[in-house]
Amino acid sequence: MSDAHEPERGVYILGGEGGHRGFWGAQNKSRGWGTVAIIAVGMVFTPAFGWVAIISAFVGVAALVILTSGTHNGSIIERRRRSRRHRLAQRTHADEFIPYDADRAALLTTALEQTRKSKEKTDQTARVAWARELAAMRANPDGCDGMGWLQSGRGVPGIAWHGPVGEEPYLSVAFSVSGQLRGMESTENVVRGAEAFGGFQAAKAVPGSLMRIVQSVTRVLPADTALQESWVLNNIDPAAPDWAKESYNEVLIETSRGAMVQRHYVVGRWPVNARFVEQAKKYGRGRDGWRKLMAAEIESFRRGLLDARHSWAEPLTARGTAAVIRHMQNPSRPLDLVRDMQPTSTGERARGGEYSAHVAEGVDPETGERVEWWHRTAAIRAESLTVAQRRPLWLLELLVGRELDIIRTVSFHIELIPAAEARHAARRDLVSDMAADISESANGKIPLDEGKVKVLAAQRRRNDLAEGSGHHGTNWVGFVTITATSRDRLAAASRELAEVCANEVGIQRLEWLDSYQAAASGTTWPIARGLRPHTPSFGARAMRVIAGGGDKEAIA
């Protein structure tokens, strides 16, 4: 006899797991500790100043609550921080980018040196422009700052080496994949695909795995009829009448008008920590050992993707990865155009000064004309989701919705957390949510439906992570970048996207990453960048230190 309370297969609960509960439960931690600090200061000064200190503390707490209250536009503090960041970028032109050119940089440096003591007004004006251009000239755009290559040869998987400021260095490899669904698929196949990808992630989440983050990228762009046109040129009968050729051309135009296609990528991220270095020593000395270890990891990753119901999965070369990054800045470039690419050529020129957009300036390789593309990126966080049951195709309207005819990229970053650590957090969340729900009832209030759904979601997470289930935990964040040809079209697309997400997808709020959109664009590039790793508990950190890098004498 089946259990009536057993969860329905293919139904999942998302939302509510965005921030694990701590001392302050699910409330704003900054506000909680700030309130404690203000009250403590008030108590210290109360004996000396009496009611003045008490009233001041009360006013301080009230001001803190107002400043940190979250709204659909963010809190007052967040808005002030964004405004200050934008003003600084405008003043320093830090948001401008010009691809580094050694000859041009040397010329500008020489010109600045030669005119250093000049008093002429024309020289002074020119010096300002030269210094600004030289400051904007960098090797990488903001979206992939600190990125280099461990392996960048032709015909071999490209292994990107990242050293972003303030983050742990890591390696990443991008795979071009077929996607799990091809054409019309049954509900059973959809569920099996979701379970297979979950199994792939679970296999990589075990404590012994070196890979810690998986990024999925879906690029939605207009259909390209180049392959069909090439087929026609090679197969059409030379004796065919002109009207027949024109008719086929009309068919291509009509069928591609308004049509959008998808390209899928999956990216793996390997942190370069002491454990990785120790394992690499078993494969060879220095960087050669790193490459051999990564070769084994790449093949394991590829097998996992094939087992996850992708019909094919191929690692991109360094030039292929750079071509994808360039295309995402300048969609006029074909996605697979690598003939003029170098692995280090990852950026299109970008002009700064925009608060809500990353504006890339490039060239259409077919016509040679200058083009300008406007990009805007938003974050999708777990706490912004409606806590509800969802099926594997819950993002369908965002990916293929009829209401969206804009170029866009949807990316999800998933950090894999071993089951033991995730189980502890899930139990803590369940206790906190149940306590909050019981507290509401005990105080004579009618509990909110949201609280009950959160309890159900926490119970399901705990059950999913039970011993022997084979499931592990995750820390995730999503990003979506939209692209248009002008400011007005980007503004209209932003409103359309927010409306679709709120009404069709269940995303209550898109967090637009304004004031640093140039850097935010990198979160949807295939480089596994944008997720803040979760902070393990003290016990988990202690166990990692005790585990070390394994036995040095072991062969693997």
Protein backbone atom coordinates (compact mmCIF):
# COMPACT_ATOMS: atom_id res chain seq x y z
CA MET A 1 0.00 0.00 0.00
CA SER A 2 1.46 3.35 -1.00
CA ASP A 3 2.05 6.09 1.51
CA ALA A 4 -0.49 8.85 1.01
CA HIS A 5 2.03 11.40 2.26
CA GLU A 6 4.80 10.36 -0.11
CA PRO A 7 5.85 13.35 -2.30
CA GLU A 8 4.68 13.24 -5.88
CA ARG A 9 7.44 12.29 -8.27
CA GLY A 10 8.68 15.17 -10.37
CA VAL A 11 7.33 17.82 -7.99
CA TYR A 12 9.83 19.94 -6.08
CA ILE A 13 9.59 22.80 -3.61
CA LEU A 14 11.86 25.77 -4.28
CA GLY A 15 12.11 28.92 -2.20
CA GLY A 16 12.69 29.33 1.50
CA GLU A 17 16.18 27.83 1.43
CA GLY A 18 17.94 31.03 0.38
CA GLY A 19 19.41 31.89 3.74
CA HIS A 20 19.78 29.18 6.33
CA ARG A 21 18.45 30.12 9.73
CA GLY A 22 20.87 31.26 12.38
CA PHE A 23 20.62 33.05 15.69
CA TRP A 24 18.11 35.50 14.20
CA GLY A 25 16.13 32.86 12.32
CA ALA A 26 15.30 34.01 8.80
CA GLN A 27 15.35 37.69 9.74
CA ASN A 28 17.84 40.33 8.63
CA LYS A 29 21.03 39.49 10.52
CA SER A 30 22.56 42.95 10.09
CA ARG A 31 19.47 44.51 11.61
CA GLY A 32 19.49 42.03 14.50
CA TRP A 33 23.09 42.60 15.50
CA GLY A 34 22.77 46.34 14.89
CA THR A 35 19.80 46.48 17.25
CA VAL A 36 21.79 44.65 19.92
CA ALA A 37 24.70 47.07 19.51
CA ILE A 38 22.46 50.17 19.76
CA ILE A 39 20.68 48.85 22.86
CA ALA A 40 24.01 47.96 24.48
CA VAL A 41 25.37 51.46 23.87
CA GLY A 42 22.13 52.95 25.22
CA MET A 43 22.41 50.88 28.40
CA VAL A 44 26.00 51.99 28.92
CA PHE A 45 25.10 55.68 28.71
CA THR A 46 21.75 55.51 30.53
CA PRO A 47 23.24 56.00 34.06
CA ALA A 48 24.95 59.19 32.90
CA PHE A 49 22.32 60.69 30.58
CA GLY A 50 19.08 59.06 31.74
CA TRP A 51 16.09 59.38 29.44
CA VAL A 52 18.16 61.05 26.73
CA ALA A 53 20.15 57.85 26.20
CA ILE A 54 17.00 55.70 26.23
CA ILE A 55 15.21 57.91 23.69
CA SER A 56 18.34 58.08 21.53
CA ALA A 57 18.59 54.29 21.51
CA PHE A 58 14.91 54.00 20.58
CA VAL A 59 15.36 56.48 17.71
CA GLY A 60 18.49 54.66 16.58
CA VAL A 61 16.68 51.30 16.44
CA ALA A 62 13.77 52.86 14.54
CA ALA A 63 16.17 54.45 12.04
CA LEU A 64 17.99 51.13 11.60
CA VAL A 65 14.72 49.32 10.88
CA ILE A 66 13.75 51.93 8.28
CA LEU A 67 17.15 51.93 6.58
CA THR A 68 17.39 48.11 6.36
CA SER A 69 13.77 47.30 5.46
CA GLY A 70 13.73 45.39 2.20
CA THR A 71 11.35 46.48 -0.56
CA HIS A 72 10.88 45.55 -4.20
CA ASN A 73 13.46 48.28 -4.91
CA GLY A 74 15.86 47.14 -2.19
CA SER A 75 16.55 48.85 1.10
CA ILE A 76 17.52 52.51 1.49
CA ILE A 77 21.07 51.50 2.39
CA GLU A 78 21.37 49.34 -0.72
CA ARG A 79 20.12 52.15 -2.96
CA ARG A 80 22.56 54.62 -1.41
CA ARG A 81 25.40 52.15 -1.86
CA ARG A 82 24.56 51.66 -5.54
CA SER A 83 24.32 55.40 -6.12
CA ARG A 84 27.68 56.00 -4.46
CA ARG A 85 29.31 53.25 -6.52
CA HIS A 86 27.94 54.74 -9.74
CA ARG A 87 29.16 58.24 -8.92
CA LEU A 88 32.62 56.88 -8.19
CA ALA A 89 32.68 55.01 -11.52
CA GLN A 90 31.62 58.15 -13.37
CA ARG A 91 34.31 60.20 -11.69
CA THR A 92 37.12 57.69 -12.28
CA HIS A 93 35.80 56.18 -15.56
CA ALA A 94 36.46 52.77 -14.00
CA ASP A 95 33.51 51.23 -15.88
CA GLU A 96 35.06 51.90 -19.29
CA PHE A 97 36.96 49.13 -21.06
CA ILE A 98 39.33 49.11 -24.02
CA PRO A 99 41.05 45.84 -25.01
CA TYR A 100 44.74 46.06 -24.23
CA ASP A 101 46.98 46.91 -27.17
CA ALA A 102 50.69 46.91 -26.33
CA ASP A 103 51.67 49.21 -29.21
CA ARG A 104 48.91 51.71 -28.45
CA ALA A 105 49.73 51.63 -24.73
CA ALA A 106 53.41 52.32 -25.44
CA LEU A 107 52.46 55.19 -27.76
CA LEU A 108 50.18 56.77 -25.14
CA THR A 109 52.79 56.36 -22.41
CA THR A 110 55.42 58.05 -24.58
CA ALA A 111 53.06 60.90 -25.48
CA LEU A 112 52.21 61.50 -21.83
CA GLU A 113 55.89 61.54 -20.89
CA GLN A 114 56.82 63.95 -23.68
CA THR A 115 54.04 66.42 -22.85
CA ARG A 116 54.43 66.17 -19.07
CA LYS A 117 55.87 69.68 -18.73
CA SER A 118 53.96 71.28 -21.60
CA LYS A 119 51.87 74.35 -20.73
CA GLU A 120 49.91 74.48 -23.98
CA LYS A 121 46.16 74.11 -23.62
CA THR A 122 45.88 71.64 -26.50
CA ASP A 123 48.48 69.39 -24.90
CA GLN A 124 46.74 69.57 -21.54
CA THR A 125 43.42 68.61 -23.14
CA ALA A 126 45.04 65.77 -25.06
CA ARG A 127 46.76 64.49 -21.93
CA VAL A 128 43.41 64.08 -20.18
CA ALA A 129 42.07 62.00 -23.08
CA TRP A 130 45.26 59.93 -23.31
CA ALA A 131 45.33 59.21 -19.59
CA ARG A 132 41.67 58.22 -19.66
CA GLU A 133 42.23 55.84 -22.57
CA LEU A 134 45.28 54.32 -20.92
CA ALA A 135 43.38 53.79 -17.66
CA ALA A 136 40.54 52.05 -19.51
CA MET A 137 42.92 49.71 -21.34
CA ARG A 138 42.96 46.30 -19.65
CA ALA A 139 43.60 42.69 -20.60
CA ASN A 140 40.15 41.45 -19.52
CA PRO A 141 36.75 43.10 -19.19
CA ASP A 142 35.23 43.46 -15.73
CA GLY A 143 33.09 40.35 -16.22
CA CYS A 144 36.14 38.06 -16.33
CA ASP A 145 38.73 40.10 -14.46
CA GLY A 146 41.67 38.01 -13.31
CA MET A 147 41.06 35.24 -15.85
CA GLY A 148 43.89 33.43 -17.62
CA TRP A 149 44.50 29.97 -19.02
CA LEU A 150 46.08 26.82 -17.65
CA GLN A 151 45.56 25.10 -21.02
CA SER A 152 44.81 27.06 -24.18
CA GLY A 153 46.10 24.98 -27.08
CA ARG A 154 44.14 24.18 -30.23
CA GLY A 155 42.07 21.02 -30.25
CA VAL A 156 42.28 20.45 -26.48
CA PRO A 157 39.84 21.43 -23.73
CA GLY A 158 40.34 25.00 -22.59
CA ILE A 159 41.07 25.18 -18.85
CA ALA A 160 40.52 28.70 -17.58
CA TRP A 161 42.46 29.81 -14.50
CA HIS A 162 40.72 32.47 -12.43
CA GLY A 163 42.15 34.68 -9.72
CA PRO A 164 39.43 37.26 -9.01
CA VAL A 165 40.15 39.75 -6.25
CA GLY A 166 38.82 38.62 -2.89
CA GLU A 167 37.98 35.08 -4.02
CA GLU A 168 39.66 31.70 -3.88
CA PRO A 169 41.40 30.92 -7.20
CA TYR A 170 39.74 28.26 -9.29
CA LEU A 171 39.79 26.45 -12.64
CA SER A 172 36.81 26.19 -14.97
CA VAL A 173 35.96 24.21 -18.09
CA ALA A 174 32.94 24.88 -20.30
CA PHE A 175 31.07 22.12 -22.13
CA SER A 176 28.74 22.57 -25.07
CA VAL A 177 25.84 20.15 -24.58
CA SER A 178 22.84 19.03 -26.59
CA GLY A 179 20.25 19.63 -23.91
CA GLN A 180 18.19 16.86 -22.36
CA LEU A 181 14.99 17.38 -24.35
CA ARG A 182 14.80 17.25 -28.13
CA GLY A 183 11.44 18.21 -29.62
CA MET A 184 8.27 16.80 -28.07
CA GLU A 185 8.95 14.71 -24.98
CA SER A 186 6.65 12.89 -22.59
CA THR A 187 6.23 13.95 -18.97
CA GLU A 188 8.03 10.78 -17.90
CA ASN A 189 11.10 11.68 -19.97
CA VAL A 190 11.10 15.20 -18.52
CA VAL A 191 11.08 13.81 -14.98
CA ARG A 192 13.77 11.28 -15.82
CA GLY A 193 15.93 14.06 -17.22
CA ALA A 194 15.58 16.09 -14.03
CA GLU A 195 16.40 13.06 -11.90
CA ALA A 196 19.39 12.20 -14.08
CA PHE A 197 20.85 15.69 -13.77
CA GLY A 198 20.23 15.56 -10.02
CA GLY A 199 22.08 12.26 -9.91
CA PHE A 200 24.98 13.79 -11.85
CA GLN A 201 25.26 16.60 -9.30
CA ALA A 202 24.95 14.20 -6.37
CA ALA A 203 27.86 12.17 -7.72
CA LYS A 204 30.00 15.32 -7.75
CA ALA A 205 28.90 16.50 -4.30
CA VAL A 206 30.59 13.77 -2.25
CA PRO A 207 33.31 15.01 0.13
CA GLY A 208 36.04 13.42 -1.99
CA SER A 209 35.09 15.33 -5.15
CA LEU A 210 37.37 18.15 -6.25
CA MET A 211 34.68 19.95 -8.25
CA ARG A 212 32.38 22.10 -6.15
CA ILE A 213 30.25 24.27 -8.48
CA VAL A 214 28.21 23.48 -11.59
CA GLN A 215 26.94 26.27 -13.84
CA SER A 216 24.24 25.74 -16.45
CA VAL A 217 23.95 28.33 -19.22
CA THR A 218 21.15 28.65 -21.78
CA ARG A 219 21.61 31.21 -24.54
CA VAL A 220 18.38 32.23 -26.29
CA LEU A 221 18.98 34.02 -29.59
CA PRO A 222 17.38 34.49 -33.02
CA ALA A 223 17.53 31.57 -35.42
CA ASP A 224 20.49 31.49 -37.80
CA THR A 225 19.64 30.22 -41.29
CA ALA A 226 23.28 29.99 -42.42
CA LEU A 227 23.29 26.17 -42.40
CA GLN A 228 20.11 25.96 -44.48
CA GLU A 229 21.43 28.54 -46.94
CA SER A 230 24.70 26.63 -47.23
CA TRP A 231 22.81 23.40 -47.90
CA VAL A 232 20.81 25.09 -50.66
CA LEU A 233 23.92 26.46 -52.35
CA ASN A 234 25.50 23.01 -52.37
CA ASN A 235 22.44 20.98 -53.39
CA ILE A 236 20.18 23.14 -55.54
CA ASP A 237 19.74 22.16 -59.17
CA PRO A 238 21.55 24.71 -61.37
CA ALA A 239 18.66 24.45 -63.81
CA ALA A 240 16.08 25.40 -61.18
CA PRO A 241 14.07 28.48 -62.16
CA ASP A 242 14.68 31.75 -60.36
CA TRP A 243 11.16 31.80 -58.93
CA ALA A 244 11.84 28.49 -57.14
CA LYS A 245 15.04 29.86 -55.61
CA GLU A 246 13.22 33.00 -54.47
CA SER A 247 10.42 30.89 -53.05
CA TYR A 248 12.82 28.92 -50.87
CA ASN A 249 14.45 32.15 -49.72
CA GLU A 250 11.02 33.45 -48.68
CA VAL A 251 10.39 30.23 -46.75
CA LEU A 252 13.63 30.73 -44.79
CA ILE A 253 12.76 34.35 -44.04
CA GLU A 254 9.20 33.61 -42.91
CA THR A 255 10.05 30.58 -40.78
CA SER A 256 12.93 32.35 -39.02
CA ARG A 257 11.06 35.61 -38.34
CA GLY A 258 10.55 35.91 -34.59
CA ALA A 259 11.94 32.42 -34.01
CA MET A 260 14.37 31.92 -31.13
CA VAL A 261 16.74 29.01 -30.67
CA GLN A 262 18.69 27.82 -27.65
CA ARG A 263 22.30 26.87 -27.08
CA HIS A 264 23.21 25.04 -23.90
CA TYR A 265 26.42 24.96 -21.89
CA VAL A 266 27.44 23.36 -18.61
CA VAL A 267 30.50 24.61 -16.74
CA GLY A 268 32.46 22.95 -13.95
CA ARG A 269 34.45 24.83 -11.32
CA TRP A 270 37.38 23.35 -9.41
CA PRO A 271 38.79 25.42 -6.51
CA VAL A 272 42.58 25.56 -6.46
CA ASN A 273 43.11 24.79 -2.79
CA ALA A 274 45.61 22.74 -0.81
CA ARG A 275 43.67 19.55 -1.48
CA PHE A 276 43.68 20.11 -5.24
CA VAL A 277 47.42 20.81 -5.26
CA GLU A 278 48.09 17.70 -3.17
CA GLN A 279 46.07 15.52 -5.54
CA ALA A 280 47.79 17.04 -8.59
CA LYS A 281 51.21 16.04 -7.24
CA LYS A 282 50.21 12.40 -7.75
CA TYR A 283 49.86 13.06 -11.49
CA GLY A 284 53.09 14.94 -12.05
CA ARG A 285 55.20 17.88 -11.04
CA GLY A 286 54.05 21.48 -11.21
CA ARG A 287 51.53 22.58 -13.80
CA ASP A 288 51.90 19.34 -15.76
CA GLY A 289 50.38 17.52 -12.81
CA TRP A 290 47.54 20.03 -12.74
CA ARG A 291 46.78 19.43 -16.42
CA LYS A 292 46.85 15.65 -16.08
CA LEU A 293 44.56 15.79 -13.06
CA MET A 294 42.19 18.10 -14.93
CA ALA A 295 42.22 15.76 -17.94
CA ALA A 296 40.85 13.01 -15.69
CA GLU A 297 38.33 15.41 -14.13
CA ILE A 298 37.16 16.64 -17.54
CA GLU A 299 36.58 13.11 -18.81
CA SER A 300 34.67 12.23 -15.64
CA PHE A 301 32.57 15.38 -16.03
CA ARG A 302 31.83 14.53 -19.66
CA ARG A 303 30.73 10.98 -18.79
CA GLY A 304 28.46 12.39 -16.11
CA LEU A 305 26.80 14.73 -18.59
CA LEU A 306 26.19 11.88 -21.02
CA ASP A 307 24.69 9.80 -18.22
CA ALA A 308 22.46 12.79 -17.41
CA ARG A 309 20.65 12.25 -20.75
CA HIS A 310 22.61 14.69 -22.89
CA SER A 311 23.08 13.07 -26.28
CA TRP A 312 26.45 14.78 -26.67
CA ALA A 313 28.76 16.89 -24.52
CA GLU A 314 32.03 18.35 -25.75
CA PRO A 315 34.47 20.56 -23.84
CA LEU A 316 35.12 23.91 -25.50
CA THR A 317 38.63 24.88 -26.46
CA ALA A 318 40.07 28.08 -25.06
CA ARG A 319 39.35 29.84 -28.36
CA GLY A 320 35.81 28.43 -28.35
CA THR A 321 35.18 29.70 -24.82
CA ALA A 322 36.56 33.13 -25.72
CA ALA A 323 34.33 33.19 -28.81
CA VAL A 324 31.23 32.52 -26.68
CA ILE A 325 32.23 35.31 -24.27
CA ARG A 326 32.77 37.74 -27.16
CA HIS A 327 29.43 36.76 -28.72
CA MET A 328 27.60 37.42 -25.47
CA GLN A 329 29.00 40.96 -25.51
CA ASN A 330 28.51 41.45 -29.25
CA PRO A 331 25.70 39.20 -30.59
CA SER A 332 26.55 40.35 -34.13
CA ARG A 333 29.45 37.91 -33.92
CA PRO A 334 28.37 34.32 -34.67
CA LEU A 335 28.51 32.15 -31.58
CA ASP A 336 31.02 29.70 -33.06
CA LEU A 337 33.24 32.18 -34.92
CA VAL A 338 36.79 31.32 -33.81
CA ARG A 339 38.88 32.01 -36.90
CA ASP A 340 40.01 35.43 -35.66
CA MET A 341 40.04 34.56 -31.96
CA GLN A 342 42.86 34.34 -29.48
CA PRO A 343 42.26 32.80 -26.02
CA THR A 344 43.26 36.07 -24.37
CA SER A 345 40.92 38.16 -26.54
CA THR A 346 37.84 38.06 -24.34
CA GLY A 347 36.56 41.64 -24.34
CA GLU A 348 34.67 44.02 -26.59
CA ARG A 349 35.16 47.74 -26.12
CA ALA A 350 32.67 49.13 -23.59
CA ARG A 351 31.80 52.70 -22.80
CA GLY A 352 30.89 53.52 -19.24
CA GLY A 353 28.61 56.05 -17.65
CA GLU A 354 25.44 53.94 -17.63
CA TYR A 355 23.82 53.10 -14.30
CA SER A 356 21.60 50.25 -15.51
CA ALA A 357 23.41 48.88 -18.53
CA HIS A 358 26.64 47.43 -19.85
CA VAL A 359 27.11 48.99 -23.29
CA ALA A 360 29.44 47.06 -25.60
CA GLU A 361 30.74 48.53 -28.84
CA GLY A 362 31.89 46.16 -31.54
CA VAL A 363 31.96 45.36 -35.23
CA ASP A 364 29.65 43.17 -37.28
CA PRO A 365 32.12 40.72 -38.91
CA GLU A 366 29.87 40.27 -41.95
CA THR A 367 29.34 43.94 -42.83
CA GLY A 368 32.24 45.60 -41.03
CA GLU A 369 29.85 48.17 -39.56
CA ARG A 370 30.08 49.45 -36.01
CA VAL A 371 27.40 48.06 -33.68
CA GLU A 372 26.31 48.83 -30.15
CA TRP A 373 24.65 46.39 -27.77
CA TRP A 374 23.03 47.14 -24.42
CA HIS A 375 23.02 44.47 -21.70
CA ARG A 376 21.35 44.32 -18.30
CA THR A 377 21.71 41.54 -15.73
CA ALA A 378 19.51 40.56 -12.80
CA ALA A 379 20.01 38.01 -10.03
CA ILE A 380 17.42 35.37 -9.14
CA ARG A 381 17.80 34.44 -5.49
CA ALA A 382 16.03 31.72 -3.55
CA GLU A 383 14.48 34.20 -1.14
CA SER A 384 12.89 36.00 -4.11
CA LEU A 385 10.99 32.89 -5.21
CA THR A 386 7.43 32.16 -4.24
CA VAL A 387 7.63 29.14 -1.93
CA ALA A 388 5.61 26.64 -3.95
CA GLN A 389 5.66 23.27 -5.62
CA ARG A 390 7.35 23.30 -9.01
CA ARG A 391 7.90 20.86 -11.83
CA PRO A 392 11.08 20.47 -13.92
CA LEU A 393 9.78 22.86 -16.61
CA TRP A 394 9.00 25.72 -14.22
CA LEU A 395 11.36 28.04 -16.15
CA LEU A 396 9.78 27.30 -19.52
CA GLU A 397 8.15 30.73 -19.90
CA LEU A 398 11.49 32.41 -19.24
CA LEU A 399 13.31 30.26 -21.78
CA VAL A 400 10.79 29.96 -24.61
CA GLY A 401 7.91 32.23 -23.58
CA ARG A 402 5.99 33.82 -26.43
CA GLU A 403 5.98 37.17 -24.65
CA LEU A 404 9.78 37.45 -24.74
CA ASP A 405 11.38 38.00 -28.14
CA ILE A 406 14.66 39.40 -26.84
CA ILE A 407 18.14 37.93 -26.80
CA ARG A 408 18.80 36.61 -23.30
CA THR A 409 21.01 34.30 -21.31
CA VAL A 410 19.79 32.36 -18.29
CA SER A 411 22.39 30.88 -15.97
CA PHE A 412 22.19 29.00 -12.69
CA HIS A 413 25.20 28.44 -10.43
CA ILE A 414 24.88 25.46 -8.09
CA GLU A 415 27.37 24.87 -5.30
CA LEU A 416 27.42 21.23 -4.23
CA ILE A 417 27.41 20.70 -0.47
CA PRO A 418 28.14 17.27 1.05
CA ALA A 419 25.11 15.63 2.64
CA ALA A 420 26.44 15.75 6.21
CA GLU A 421 26.80 19.54 6.13
CA ALA A 422 23.50 20.07 4.29
CA ARG A 423 21.65 17.74 6.68
CA HIS A 424 22.69 19.83 9.67
CA ALA A 425 21.49 23.06 8.01
CA ALA A 426 18.19 21.43 6.96
CA ARG A 427 17.45 20.28 10.51
CA ARG A 428 18.19 23.75 11.83
CA ASP A 429 15.90 25.33 9.22
CA LEU A 430 13.07 22.93 10.06
CA VAL A 431 13.29 23.64 13.79
CA SER A 432 13.37 27.40 13.18
CA ASP A 433 10.41 27.36 10.76
CA MET A 434 8.32 25.10 13.02
CA ALA A 435 9.09 27.29 16.03
CA ALA A 436 8.02 30.40 14.13
CA ASP A 437 4.79 28.71 13.01
CA ILE A 438 3.97 27.49 16.54
CA SER A 439 4.79 30.91 17.97
CA GLU A 440 2.27 32.53 15.63
CA SER A 441 -0.45 30.13 16.80
CA ALA A 442 0.43 30.44 20.50
CA ASN A 443 0.13 34.22 20.36
CA GLY A 444 -3.42 34.01 19.07
CA LYS A 445 -2.53 34.92 15.50
CA ILE A 446 -3.70 33.10 12.40
CA PRO A 447 -0.56 31.52 10.91
CA LEU A 448 0.28 32.66 7.41
CA ASP A 449 0.06 30.10 4.61
CA GLU A 450 3.62 31.06 3.70
CA GLY A 451 4.83 29.76 7.06
CA LYS A 452 3.15 26.38 6.57
CA VAL A 453 4.62 26.02 3.09
CA LYS A 454 8.07 26.87 4.46
CA VAL A 455 7.68 24.15 7.07
CA LEU A 456 6.66 21.65 4.39
CA ALA A 457 9.63 22.70 2.24
CA ALA A 458 12.04 22.32 5.18
CA GLN A 459 10.56 18.90 6.02
CA ARG A 460 11.01 17.78 2.44
CA ARG A 461 14.62 18.98 2.35
CA ARG A 462 15.32 17.08 5.55
CA ASN A 463 13.67 13.94 4.16
CA ASP A 464 15.56 14.26 0.88
CA LEU A 465 18.84 14.41 2.81
CA ALA A 466 18.08 11.39 4.99
CA GLU A 467 20.78 8.76 5.39
CA GLY A 468 20.91 6.46 2.38
CA SER A 469 18.94 8.77 0.08
CA GLY A 470 21.98 9.59 -2.04
CA HIS A 471 21.02 13.27 -2.06
CA HIS A 472 23.28 16.18 -1.17
CA GLY A 473 22.72 19.86 -0.49
CA THR A 474 23.12 22.89 -2.72
CA ASN A 475 23.67 26.60 -2.50
CA TRP A 476 22.44 28.27 -5.65
CA VAL A 477 21.78 31.54 -7.41
CA GLY A 478 20.43 32.35 -10.87
CA PHE A 479 21.18 35.18 -13.27
CA VAL A 480 19.50 36.43 -16.43
CA THR A 481 21.03 38.87 -18.90
CA ILE A 482 18.90 40.59 -21.53
CA THR A 483 20.32 42.26 -24.63
CA ALA A 484 18.94 45.00 -26.87
CA THR A 485 20.19 47.45 -29.46
CA SER A 486 19.23 50.66 -27.65
CA ARG A 487 18.43 52.11 -24.25
CA ASP A 488 14.68 52.33 -24.98
CA ARG A 489 14.47 48.72 -26.14
CA LEU A 490 16.44 47.57 -23.10
CA ALA A 491 14.07 49.46 -20.79
CA ALA A 492 11.03 47.86 -22.46
CA ALA A 493 12.66 44.42 -22.30
CA SER A 494 13.39 44.91 -18.59
CA ARG A 495 9.73 45.56 -17.88
CA GLU A 496 8.62 42.58 -19.99
CA LEU A 497 11.08 40.26 -18.25
CA ALA A 498 10.03 41.37 -14.76
CA GLU A 499 6.36 40.87 -15.69
CA VAL A 500 6.92 37.38 -17.08
CA CYS A 501 8.99 36.34 -14.06
CA ALA A 502 6.39 37.62 -11.59
CA ASN A 503 3.27 36.33 -13.35
CA GLU A 504 4.42 33.16 -15.10
CA VAL A 505 7.52 31.86 -13.33
CA GLY A 506 6.91 32.69 -9.68
CA ILE A 507 9.92 34.95 -9.22
CA GLN A 508 8.63 37.74 -7.03
CA ARG A 509 11.60 40.02 -7.51
CA LEU A 510 14.44 40.35 -9.98
CA GLU A 511 17.44 41.94 -8.31
CA TRP A 512 18.88 44.18 -11.02
CA LEU A 513 22.62 44.45 -10.49
CA ASP A 514 22.72 48.12 -11.36
CA SER A 515 25.77 50.34 -10.86
CA TYR A 516 28.09 47.46 -11.77
CA GLN A 517 26.42 45.94 -14.83
CA ALA A 518 29.73 45.50 -16.69
CA ALA A 519 30.96 43.10 -14.02
CA ALA A 520 27.51 41.52 -13.62
CA SER A 521 27.49 40.46 -17.28
CA GLY A 522 30.15 37.89 -16.43
CA THR A 523 27.70 35.96 -14.26
CA THR A 524 26.02 34.59 -17.39
CA TRP A 525 29.24 33.88 -19.28
CA PRO A 526 30.48 30.25 -19.22
CA ILE A 527 33.16 30.91 -16.59
CA ALA A 528 31.36 29.84 -13.36
CA ARG A 529 31.55 33.25 -11.73
CA GLY A 530 28.93 34.97 -9.60
CA LEU A 531 28.09 32.65 -6.69
CA ARG A 532 29.23 33.46 -3.18
CA PRO A 533 30.25 30.12 -1.64
CA HIS A 534 28.33 29.11 1.45
CA THR A 535 30.02 29.48 4.82
CA PRO A 536 30.38 26.05 6.43
CA SER A 537 29.78 25.62 10.13
CA PHE A 538 32.67 25.54 12.58
CA GLY A 539 32.33 21.78 12.89
CA ALA A 540 32.43 21.31 9.11
CA ARG A 541 35.53 23.48 8.82
CA ALA A 542 37.21 21.53 11.60
CA MET A 543 36.47 18.22 9.87
CA ARG A 544 37.90 19.54 6.59
CA VAL A 545 41.11 20.52 8.35
CA ILE A 546 41.34 17.11 10.01
CA ALA A 547 40.71 15.33 6.69
CA GLY A 548 43.59 17.20 5.03
CA GLY A 549 44.56 16.29 1.48
CA GLY A 550 44.68 12.54 1.97
CA ASP A 551 47.63 10.19 2.26
CA LYS A 552 50.62 11.40 0.27
CA GLU A 553 51.66 7.81 -0.35
CA ALA A 554 48.31 6.84 -1.93
CA ILE A 555 48.23 6.51 -5.72
CA ALA A 556 44.94 8.45 -6.00
